C-alpha cells in the first residue's frame, strides 16, 4: 500500500524518510491533494536512465521510418575500410 502523508509531516522529515524505501515512494499531499513525491535516489536515477533509453529508442525508430542516416552497402564498406 502506498505511503501517503500530509506535507506538514515534513516538519519531522526523519519519519517521512523512514517511510521512503527503495521501490516505495512517499506521496505528500497539500490541502488533501497529491502534490509531491519523495523517492529513493537509486529509484530516481534508474527512472532517469530508463527515460533516456526510451528517448534514444524513439529517435532510432523515427530514423528507421524516415530512412535518415542509412548507408548503401558500398558506403558502409568504404567507411569500414577507413
C-alpha atoms as a PDB file:
ATOM      1  CA  UNK A   1       0.000   0.000   0.000  1.00  0.00           C
ATOM      2  CA  UNK A   2       1.466   3.404  -0.900  1.00  0.00           C
ATOM      3  CA  UNK A   3       2.617   5.748   1.840  1.00  0.00           C
ATOM      4  CA  UNK A   4       0.560   8.951   1.701  1.00  0.00           C
ATOM      5  CA  UNK A   5       1.292  11.722   4.175  1.00  0.00           C
ATOM      6  CA  UNK A   6       0.381  15.392   4.524  1.00  0.00           C
ATOM      7  CA  UNK A   7       3.202  17.760   3.555  1.00  0.00           C
ATOM      8  CA  UNK A   8       3.074  19.152   7.091  1.00  0.00           C
ATOM      9  CA  UNK A   9       4.693  15.877   8.220  1.00  0.00           C
ATOM     10  CA  UNK A  10       7.937  17.201   6.708  1.00  0.00           C
ATOM     11  CA  UNK A  11       8.430  19.070   9.967  1.00  0.00           C
ATOM     12  CA  UNK A  12       9.560  15.672  11.221  1.00  0.00           C
ATOM     13  CA  UNK A  13      11.317  14.677   7.996  1.00  0.00           C
ATOM     14  CA  UNK A  14      13.120  11.733   9.613  1.00  0.00           C
ATOM     15  CA  UNK A  15       9.789   9.943   9.925  1.00  0.00           C
ATOM     16  CA  UNK A  16       8.976  10.690   6.290  1.00  0.00           C
ATOM     17  CA  UNK A  17      12.373   9.355   5.185  1.00  0.00           C
ATOM     18  CA  UNK A  18      11.839   6.161   7.175  1.00  0.00           C
ATOM     19  CA  UNK A  19       8.771   5.537   5.023  1.00  0.00           C
ATOM     20  CA  UNK A  20      10.770   6.117   1.827  1.00  0.00           C
ATOM     21  CA  UNK A  21      12.361   2.788   0.996  1.00  0.00           C
ATOM     22  CA  UNK A  22      13.758   1.573  -2.305  1.00  0.00           C
ATOM     23  CA  UNK A  23      10.858   0.968  -4.667  1.00  0.00           C
ATOM     24  CA  UNK A  24       8.382   2.599  -2.307  1.00  0.00           C
ATOM     25  CA  UNK A  25       7.785   6.315  -2.893  1.00  0.00           C
ATOM     26  CA  UNK A  26       6.164   8.552  -0.304  1.00  0.00           C
ATOM     27  CA  UNK A  27       3.346  10.717  -1.643  1.00  0.00           C
ATOM     28  CA  UNK A  28       2.857  14.075   0.060  1.00  0.00           C
ATOM     29  CA  UNK A  29      -0.437  15.894  -0.017  1.00  0.00           C
ATOM     30  CA  UNK A  30      -1.216  19.572   0.360  1.00  0.00           C
ATOM     31  CA  UNK A  31      -4.777  20.592   1.188  1.00  0.00           C
ATOM     32  CA  UNK A  32      -5.854  16.991   0.676  1.00  0.00           C
ATOM     33  CA  UNK A  33      -4.499  16.703  -2.880  1.00  0.00           C
ATOM     34  CA  UNK A  34      -1.382  14.967  -4.159  1.00  0.00           C
ATOM     35  CA  UNK A  35       1.436  17.498  -4.514  1.00  0.00           C
ATOM     36  CA  UNK A  36       4.897  15.908  -4.106  1.00  0.00           C
ATOM     37  CA  UNK A  37       6.653  12.552  -4.232  1.00  0.00           C
ATOM     38  CA  UNK A  38       9.747  11.590  -2.275  1.00  0.00           C
ATOM     39  CA  UNK A  39      11.707   8.686  -3.764  1.00  0.00           C
ATOM     40  CA  UNK A  40      14.983   6.919  -3.073  1.00  0.00           C
ATOM     41  CA  UNK A  41      17.902   8.352  -5.119  1.00  0.00           C
ATOM     42  CA  UNK A  42      18.594   4.957  -6.731  1.00  0.00           C
ATOM     43  CA  UNK A  43      14.998   4.773  -7.933  1.00  0.00           C
ATOM     44  CA  UNK A  44      15.256   8.317  -9.291  1.00  0.00           C
ATOM     45  CA  UNK A  45      18.484   7.573 -11.164  1.00  0.00           C
ATOM     46  CA  UNK A  46      17.032   4.338 -12.583  1.00  0.00           C
ATOM     47  CA  UNK A  47      13.940   6.189 -13.817  1.00  0.00           C
ATOM     48  CA  UNK A  48      16.093   8.888 -15.435  1.00  0.00           C
ATOM     49  CA  UNK A  49      18.199   6.232 -17.200  1.00  0.00           C
ATOM     50  CA  UNK A  50      15.032   4.496 -18.428  1.00  0.00           C
ATOM     51  CA  UNK A  51      13.680   7.784 -19.804  1.00  0.00           C
ATOM     52  CA  UNK A  52      16.970   8.475 -21.591  1.00  0.00           C
ATOM     53  CA  UNK A  53      16.959   4.990 -23.116  1.00  0.00           C
ATOM     54  CA  UNK A  54      13.349   5.345 -24.252  1.00  0.00           C
ATOM     55  CA  UNK A  55      14.138   8.703 -25.916  1.00  0.00           C
ATOM     56  CA  UNK A  56      17.061   7.121 -27.772  1.00  0.00           C
ATOM     57  CA  UNK A  57      14.888   4.212 -28.865  1.00  0.00           C
ATOM     58  CA  UNK A  58      12.221   6.623 -30.117  1.00  0.00           C
ATOM     59  CA  UNK A  59      14.858   8.570 -32.052  1.00  0.00           C
ATOM     60  CA  UNK A  60      16.173   5.353 -33.591  1.00  0.00           C
ATOM     61  CA  UNK A  61      12.675   4.209 -34.503  1.00  0.00           C
ATOM     62  CA  UNK A  62      11.970   7.568 -36.165  1.00  0.00           C
ATOM     63  CA  UNK A  63      15.266   7.394 -38.078  1.00  0.00           C
ATOM     64  CA  UNK A  64      14.337   3.944 -39.383  1.00  0.00           C
ATOM     65  CA  UNK A  65      10.912   5.146 -40.504  1.00  0.00           C
ATOM     66  CA  UNK A  66      12.321   8.292 -42.138  1.00  0.00           C
ATOM     67  CA  UNK A  67      15.250   6.477 -43.704  1.00  0.00           C
ATOM     68  CA  UNK A  68      17.667   9.054 -42.253  1.00  0.00           C
ATOM     69  CA  UNK A  69      21.366   8.254 -41.925  1.00  0.00           C
ATOM     70  CA  UNK A  70      21.186   4.996 -43.873  1.00  0.00           C
ATOM     71  CA  UNK A  71      24.254   3.938 -45.830  1.00  0.00           C
ATOM     72  CA  UNK A  72      24.367   1.926 -49.002  1.00  0.00           C
ATOM     73  CA  UNK A  73      26.408  -1.265 -48.881  1.00  0.00           C
ATOM     74  CA  UNK A  74      29.209   0.397 -50.850  1.00  0.00           C
ATOM     75  CA  UNK A  75      29.242   3.403 -48.483  1.00  0.00           C
ATOM     76  CA  UNK A  76      29.412   1.073 -45.474  1.00  0.00           C
ATOM     77  CA  UNK A  77      32.289  -0.919 -46.941  1.00  0.00           C
ATOM     78  CA  UNK A  78      34.173   2.264 -47.701  1.00  0.00           C
ATOM     79  CA  UNK A  79      33.574   3.628 -44.192  1.00  0.00           C
ATOM     80  CA  UNK A  80      34.821   0.381 -42.638  1.00  0.00           C
ATOM     81  CA  UNK A  81      37.998   0.428 -44.716  1.00  0.00           C
ATOM     82  CA  UNK A  82      38.989   3.869 -43.417  1.00  0.00           C
END
